[in-house]
Every structure is written in structure tokens, then in C-alpha cells.
């Protein structure tokens, strides 16, 4: 199991635009649903992204973060 800091660090490493282009990131673990919830915010635009354990593992191993990448692109534009 990863912790919040590890996840934030990995996301910022993969998507360096987060934080530098006015995109804020916050994450929390939802115990009830057993998944991570990522909050992306830029100005008044907000996106809530759900990252299940399987997707999290792929992302943390650098194999795949496609769905998150689409959300990051969406909030950047």
C-alpha cells in the first residue's frame, strides 16, 4: 500500500505541469470504496479522479497512468 506523499510525488514526477501551471493536486484514500481520490484544480475548474488499487500499482510502477493523464490534459487546456 502506498501513502499519500508517495502518490503525490509520483504524479508530479509523471506530470510536471501539476503545481507549475497553477494546477493544484490533493489526494485522499477512501476507506469505504478502497480507492484513491485525486482532486485536480485550476482556477475555478475542478476534476475529481478515482484511482483503484490496480491502476495505482501500474501508475506507481511507471507502466500506465493513461486515465489520469487525460484528466490532467483536460484541466490544463
N, C-alpha and C. Protein backbone atom coordinates (compact mmCIF):
# COMPACT_ATOMS: atom_id res chain seq x y z
N UNK A 1 0.86 -1.20 0.00
CA UNK A 1 0.00 0.00 0.00
C UNK A 1 0.89 1.24 0.00
N UNK A 2 0.55 2.16 -0.84
CA UNK A 2 1.29 3.42 -0.93
C UNK A 2 0.64 4.45 -0.02
N UNK A 3 1.42 5.47 0.32
CA UNK A 3 0.83 6.54 1.11
C UNK A 3 0.62 7.78 0.25
N UNK A 4 -0.04 8.76 0.82
CA UNK A 4 -0.42 9.98 0.10
C UNK A 4 0.80 10.69 -0.49
N UNK A 5 1.88 10.80 0.28
CA UNK A 5 3.07 11.50 -0.20
C UNK A 5 3.72 10.79 -1.37
N UNK A 6 3.78 9.47 -1.31
CA UNK A 6 4.36 8.71 -2.42
C UNK A 6 3.54 8.92 -3.70
N UNK A 7 2.24 8.88 -3.56
CA UNK A 7 1.36 9.06 -4.72
C UNK A 7 1.51 10.46 -5.31
N UNK A 8 1.49 11.48 -4.46
CA UNK A 8 1.64 12.86 -4.94
C UNK A 8 2.98 13.05 -5.65
N UNK A 9 4.04 12.52 -5.06
CA UNK A 9 5.38 12.65 -5.64
C UNK A 9 5.44 11.99 -7.02
N UNK A 10 4.87 10.80 -7.14
CA UNK A 10 4.88 10.09 -8.42
C UNK A 10 4.07 10.84 -9.48
N UNK A 11 2.92 11.33 -9.10
CA UNK A 11 2.08 12.07 -10.05
C UNK A 11 2.81 13.32 -10.52
N UNK A 12 3.45 14.03 -9.61
CA UNK A 12 4.18 15.24 -10.00
C UNK A 12 5.39 14.91 -10.87
N UNK A 13 5.99 13.74 -10.66
CA UNK A 13 7.12 13.32 -11.47
C UNK A 13 6.65 13.01 -12.90
N UNK A 14 5.52 12.31 -13.02
CA UNK A 14 4.99 11.94 -14.33
C UNK A 14 4.39 13.15 -15.05
N UNK A 15 3.72 14.01 -14.29
CA UNK A 15 3.04 15.18 -14.85
C UNK A 15 3.58 16.46 -14.21
N UNK A 16 4.75 16.91 -14.67
CA UNK A 16 5.38 18.09 -14.05
C UNK A 16 4.56 19.38 -14.17
N UNK A 17 3.55 19.40 -15.03
CA UNK A 17 2.69 20.59 -15.14
C UNK A 17 1.92 20.85 -13.85
N UNK A 18 1.67 19.79 -13.09
CA UNK A 18 0.92 19.96 -11.85
C UNK A 18 1.78 20.76 -10.88
N UNK A 19 1.21 21.84 -10.39
CA UNK A 19 1.93 22.71 -9.47
C UNK A 19 2.61 23.87 -10.18
N UNK A 20 3.12 23.64 -11.38
CA UNK A 20 3.83 24.68 -12.11
C UNK A 20 2.92 25.52 -13.00
N UNK A 21 1.83 24.96 -13.42
CA UNK A 21 0.92 25.68 -14.31
C UNK A 21 -0.35 26.10 -13.57
N UNK A 22 -0.24 26.25 -12.27
CA UNK A 22 -1.41 26.65 -11.49
C UNK A 22 -2.39 25.52 -11.27
N UNK A 23 -1.95 24.30 -11.47
CA UNK A 23 -2.81 23.14 -11.23
C UNK A 23 -2.49 22.61 -9.85
N UNK A 24 -3.48 22.61 -8.98
CA UNK A 24 -3.32 22.09 -7.63
C UNK A 24 -3.73 20.64 -7.58
N UNK A 25 -3.08 19.88 -6.71
CA UNK A 25 -3.36 18.46 -6.55
C UNK A 25 -3.56 18.14 -5.08
N UNK A 26 -4.57 17.36 -4.79
CA UNK A 26 -4.76 16.81 -3.46
C UNK A 26 -5.25 15.39 -3.63
N UNK A 27 -4.85 14.50 -2.74
CA UNK A 27 -5.29 13.11 -2.81
C UNK A 27 -5.74 12.65 -1.43
N UNK A 28 -6.65 11.70 -1.43
CA UNK A 28 -7.06 11.08 -0.18
C UNK A 28 -7.52 9.65 -0.47
N UNK A 29 -7.40 8.81 0.52
CA UNK A 29 -7.81 7.42 0.36
C UNK A 29 -9.22 7.26 0.91
N UNK A 30 -10.10 6.69 0.12
CA UNK A 30 -11.48 6.44 0.52
C UNK A 30 -11.57 5.01 1.05
N UNK A 31 -11.62 4.89 2.37
CA UNK A 31 -11.66 3.58 3.03
C UNK A 31 -12.88 2.76 2.62
N UNK A 32 -14.03 3.41 2.47
CA UNK A 32 -15.27 2.71 2.13
C UNK A 32 -15.19 2.06 0.75
N UNK A 33 -14.67 2.83 -0.22
CA UNK A 33 -14.61 2.33 -1.60
C UNK A 33 -13.29 1.65 -1.93
N UNK A 34 -12.31 1.77 -1.03
CA UNK A 34 -10.99 1.15 -1.22
C UNK A 34 -10.31 1.65 -2.50
N UNK A 35 -10.29 2.97 -2.65
CA UNK A 35 -9.61 3.58 -3.79
C UNK A 35 -9.11 4.97 -3.41
N UNK A 36 -8.22 5.47 -4.23
CA UNK A 36 -7.69 6.83 -4.04
C UNK A 36 -8.55 7.82 -4.82
N UNK A 37 -8.77 8.97 -4.23
CA UNK A 37 -9.50 10.05 -4.88
C UNK A 37 -8.51 11.19 -5.08
N UNK A 38 -8.34 11.61 -6.33
CA UNK A 38 -7.44 12.70 -6.67
C UNK A 38 -8.27 13.90 -7.05
N UNK A 39 -7.90 15.04 -6.51
CA UNK A 39 -8.58 16.29 -6.81
C UNK A 39 -7.62 17.19 -7.55
N UNK A 40 -7.97 17.56 -8.77
CA UNK A 40 -7.19 18.50 -9.57
C UNK A 40 -7.97 19.79 -9.66
N UNK A 41 -7.28 20.91 -9.48
CA UNK A 41 -7.96 22.19 -9.51
C UNK A 41 -7.08 23.21 -10.24
N UNK A 42 -7.72 23.96 -11.12
CA UNK A 42 -7.06 25.07 -11.81
C UNK A 42 -8.08 26.19 -11.93
N UNK A 43 -7.84 27.27 -11.21
CA UNK A 43 -8.81 28.36 -11.19
C UNK A 43 -10.11 27.86 -10.59
N UNK A 44 -11.20 28.03 -11.32
CA UNK A 44 -12.49 27.56 -10.81
C UNK A 44 -12.88 26.18 -11.38
N UNK A 45 -11.99 25.59 -12.17
CA UNK A 45 -12.24 24.24 -12.71
C UNK A 45 -11.72 23.20 -11.75
N UNK A 46 -12.53 22.18 -11.50
CA UNK A 46 -12.16 21.10 -10.60
C UNK A 46 -12.48 19.76 -11.24
N UNK A 47 -11.58 18.80 -11.06
CA UNK A 47 -11.80 17.44 -11.54
C UNK A 47 -11.53 16.49 -10.39
N UNK A 48 -12.41 15.54 -10.24
CA UNK A 48 -12.26 14.50 -9.23
C UNK A 48 -12.00 13.19 -9.97
N UNK A 49 -10.87 12.56 -9.69
CA UNK A 49 -10.46 11.36 -10.40
C UNK A 49 -10.32 10.21 -9.40
N UNK A 50 -10.82 9.03 -9.76
CA UNK A 50 -10.74 7.87 -8.90
C UNK A 50 -9.66 6.93 -9.42
N UNK A 51 -8.81 6.47 -8.51
CA UNK A 51 -7.71 5.59 -8.89
C UNK A 51 -7.81 4.32 -8.04
N UNK A 52 -8.22 3.23 -8.68
CA UNK A 52 -8.35 1.97 -7.98
C UNK A 52 -6.98 1.33 -7.79
N UNK A 53 -6.91 0.37 -6.89
CA UNK A 53 -5.64 -0.25 -6.49
C UNK A 53 -4.83 -0.77 -7.69
N UNK A 54 -5.49 -1.45 -8.61
CA UNK A 54 -4.79 -1.99 -9.78
C UNK A 54 -4.18 -0.87 -10.62
N UNK A 55 -4.95 0.19 -10.87
CA UNK A 55 -4.45 1.33 -11.65
C UNK A 55 -3.33 2.04 -10.90
N UNK A 56 -3.48 2.15 -9.58
CA UNK A 56 -2.46 2.79 -8.76
C UNK A 56 -1.14 2.04 -8.89
N UNK A 57 -1.18 0.73 -8.79
CA UNK A 57 0.05 -0.07 -8.89
C UNK A 57 0.73 0.12 -10.24
N UNK A 58 -0.04 0.12 -11.31
CA UNK A 58 0.53 0.34 -12.64
C UNK A 58 1.16 1.72 -12.74
N UNK A 59 0.48 2.70 -12.21
CA UNK A 59 0.97 4.07 -12.25
C UNK A 59 2.27 4.21 -11.44
N UNK A 60 2.29 3.65 -10.25
CA UNK A 60 3.45 3.76 -9.38
C UNK A 60 4.66 3.02 -9.97
N UNK A 61 4.42 2.00 -10.77
CA UNK A 61 5.50 1.25 -11.42
C UNK A 61 5.91 1.88 -12.74
N UNK A 62 5.24 2.98 -13.11
CA UNK A 62 5.58 3.68 -14.33
C UNK A 62 5.06 3.00 -15.58
N UNK A 63 4.14 2.07 -15.44
CA UNK A 63 3.63 1.33 -16.59
C UNK A 63 2.48 2.03 -17.29
N UNK A 64 1.61 2.67 -16.52
CA UNK A 64 0.41 3.25 -17.13
C UNK A 64 -0.26 4.22 -16.18
N UNK A 65 -0.62 5.37 -16.68
CA UNK A 65 -1.43 6.35 -15.94
C UNK A 65 -2.28 7.10 -16.96
N UNK A 66 -2.77 6.38 -17.93
CA UNK A 66 -3.46 6.98 -19.07
C UNK A 66 -4.69 7.78 -18.65
N UNK A 67 -5.55 7.20 -17.84
CA UNK A 67 -6.78 7.90 -17.48
C UNK A 67 -6.48 9.17 -16.70
N UNK A 68 -5.49 9.12 -15.83
CA UNK A 68 -5.10 10.32 -15.09
C UNK A 68 -4.51 11.35 -16.05
N UNK A 69 -3.73 10.91 -17.00
CA UNK A 69 -3.14 11.82 -17.99
C UNK A 69 -4.20 12.57 -18.78
N UNK A 70 -5.30 11.89 -19.10
CA UNK A 70 -6.40 12.55 -19.81
C UNK A 70 -7.01 13.64 -18.94
N UNK A 71 -7.15 13.37 -17.64
CA UNK A 71 -7.72 14.37 -16.72
C UNK A 71 -6.78 15.57 -16.60
N UNK A 72 -5.48 15.31 -16.50
CA UNK A 72 -4.51 16.40 -16.40
C UNK A 72 -4.55 17.25 -17.66
N UNK A 73 -4.61 16.62 -18.82
CA UNK A 73 -4.70 17.37 -20.08
C UNK A 73 -5.96 18.21 -20.14
N UNK A 74 -7.04 17.64 -19.66
CA UNK A 74 -8.33 18.33 -19.67
C UNK A 74 -8.29 19.61 -18.82
N UNK A 75 -7.69 19.51 -17.66
CA UNK A 75 -7.69 20.67 -16.77
C UNK A 75 -6.65 21.71 -17.21
N UNK A 76 -5.61 21.26 -17.92
CA UNK A 76 -4.59 22.19 -18.42
C UNK A 76 -5.16 23.11 -19.50
N UNK A 77 -5.98 22.53 -20.36
CA UNK A 77 -6.48 23.27 -21.54
C UNK A 77 -7.62 24.19 -21.24
